[in-house]
Amino acid sequence: PDLTGHEKFGLGNVKYNISSIHVTAVELPSASISLLPRSGIKLVIGNASLTIDMNWNIRTWMFKDSGRGTVHISKVFVTAIFSTPLDNTGPTSISLTSCRTTSGDIDIKLNGKS
């Protein structure tokens, strides 16, 4: 979905819109899934990266600008625990019980008219 909003900076508001968001690359060089006895599943992803392309525009009382942008997020680590019911009373379900994510580097490149 598009991201639209405004932030107050100094003497005025900055209105922004980020649209046409597309994930163009995902790398998962280290991923593992393990079973946790009597409780569920553990997913660990290490040193992942993600690249996103988008359109952006900003507007203030003084100027406006727009263009294309790329965001590259690297050194992403995720640990997630999923629980599964132990009884056979209904359809199998999985729920997320804990999730921890960290990212090391974020590189943002904005190309615009200014």
Protein backbone atom coordinates (compact mmCIF):
# COMPACT_ATOMS: atom_id res chain seq x y z
CA PRO A 1 0.00 0.00 0.00
CA ASP A 2 0.98 3.63 -0.49
CA LEU A 3 2.30 5.63 2.47
CA THR A 4 0.92 9.15 2.87
CA GLY A 5 1.25 11.56 5.74
CA HIS A 6 2.71 14.76 7.09
CA GLU A 7 5.34 15.75 9.64
CA LYS A 8 5.95 19.07 11.35
CA PHE A 9 9.46 20.45 10.87
CA GLY A 10 10.54 23.87 12.08
CA LEU A 11 8.26 26.48 10.54
CA GLY A 12 5.89 24.24 8.64
CA ASN A 13 4.50 20.88 7.65
CA VAL A 14 6.03 18.48 5.17
CA LYS A 15 3.49 16.40 3.28
CA TYR A 16 4.77 13.18 1.74
CA ASN A 17 3.53 10.33 -0.42
CA ILE A 18 5.37 7.09 -1.20
CA SER A 19 3.70 5.03 -3.92
CA SER A 20 4.30 2.17 -6.36
CA ILE A 21 6.25 0.28 -3.72
CA HIS A 22 7.79 -2.89 -5.18
CA VAL A 23 10.11 -5.41 -3.57
CA THR A 24 12.69 -6.06 -6.29
CA ALA A 25 15.12 -8.38 -4.48
CA VAL A 26 15.17 -10.63 -1.42
CA GLU A 27 18.20 -12.63 -0.32
CA LEU A 28 18.05 -15.25 2.43
CA PRO A 29 21.59 -16.67 2.59
CA SER A 30 21.04 -18.31 5.96
CA ALA A 31 17.64 -19.69 6.98
CA SER A 32 16.66 -22.60 9.18
CA ILE A 33 13.50 -24.14 10.58
CA SER A 34 13.50 -26.37 13.64
CA LEU A 35 10.83 -28.13 15.65
CA LEU A 36 10.41 -27.16 19.29
CA PRO A 37 9.29 -30.17 21.34
CA ARG A 38 5.64 -29.93 22.41
CA SER A 39 5.35 -26.27 21.44
CA GLY A 40 5.87 -25.38 17.81
CA ILE A 41 8.31 -24.24 15.17
CA LYS A 42 11.31 -21.89 15.29
CA LEU A 43 12.33 -19.95 12.16
CA VAL A 44 15.73 -18.25 12.07
CA ILE A 45 16.85 -16.06 9.17
CA GLY A 46 20.34 -14.59 9.23
CA ASN A 47 22.10 -11.91 7.20
CA ALA A 48 19.15 -11.36 4.86
CA SER A 49 18.71 -8.36 2.57
CA LEU A 50 15.83 -6.63 0.83
CA THR A 51 15.65 -4.04 -1.97
CA ILE A 52 12.56 -1.87 -2.53
CA ASP A 53 11.87 0.55 -5.40
CA MET A 54 9.27 3.32 -5.10
CA ASN A 55 7.98 6.69 -6.27
CA TRP A 56 8.04 9.56 -3.78
CA ASN A 57 6.92 13.16 -3.54
CA ILE A 58 7.09 15.81 -0.85
CA ARG A 59 5.51 19.22 -0.53
CA THR A 60 6.12 22.11 1.87
CA TRP A 61 4.94 25.71 1.85
CA MET A 62 8.25 26.58 0.19
CA PHE A 63 8.89 23.84 -2.40
CA LYS A 64 7.83 20.49 -3.79
CA ASP A 65 9.77 17.64 -5.33
CA SER A 66 9.21 14.11 -6.56
CA GLY A 67 11.11 11.23 -8.08
CA ARG A 68 12.11 7.58 -7.78
CA GLY A 69 13.81 5.96 -4.84
CA THR A 70 15.52 2.74 -3.82
CA VAL A 71 15.86 1.39 -0.29
CA HIS A 72 18.32 -1.42 0.41
CA ILE A 73 18.12 -3.04 3.85
CA SER A 74 20.90 -5.47 4.76
CA LYS A 75 22.17 -7.47 7.71
CA VAL A 76 18.60 -8.42 8.63
CA PHE A 77 18.17 -11.07 11.33
CA VAL A 78 14.79 -12.60 12.21
CA THR A 79 13.85 -15.12 14.88
CA ALA A 80 10.21 -16.19 14.97
CA ILE A 81 8.43 -18.76 17.11
CA PHE A 82 5.17 -20.27 15.87
CA SER A 83 2.91 -22.35 18.10
CA THR A 84 0.72 -25.20 16.99
CA PRO A 85 -2.13 -26.75 18.99
CA LEU A 86 -1.41 -30.15 20.50
CA ASP A 87 -4.97 -31.46 20.37
CA ASN A 88 -6.85 -32.92 17.43
CA THR A 89 -10.12 -31.03 18.00
CA GLY A 90 -10.12 -29.02 14.81
CA PRO A 91 -8.18 -27.96 11.74
CA THR A 92 -4.46 -27.41 12.15
CA SER A 93 -3.56 -23.81 12.87
CA ILE A 94 -0.34 -21.91 13.41
CA SER A 95 0.02 -18.66 15.34
CA LEU A 96 2.99 -16.36 15.79
CA THR A 97 3.92 -16.24 19.48
CA SER A 98 7.17 -14.25 19.30
CA CYS A 99 9.20 -12.42 16.71
CA ARG A 100 12.45 -10.48 16.93
CA THR A 101 13.93 -8.60 13.98
CA THR A 102 17.04 -6.45 13.69
CA SER A 103 18.59 -4.73 10.70
CA GLY A 104 22.14 -3.51 10.37
CA ASP A 105 22.30 -1.16 7.39
CA ILE A 106 19.73 0.88 5.49
CA ASP A 107 20.79 2.65 2.30
CA ILE A 108 18.28 5.12 0.82
CA LYS A 109 18.78 6.69 -2.61
CA LEU A 110 16.33 9.34 -3.79
CA ASN A 111 16.44 10.71 -7.33
CA GLY A 112 14.39 13.84 -7.90
CA LYS A 113 14.22 17.13 -9.72
CA SER A 114 16.02 19.15 -7.05
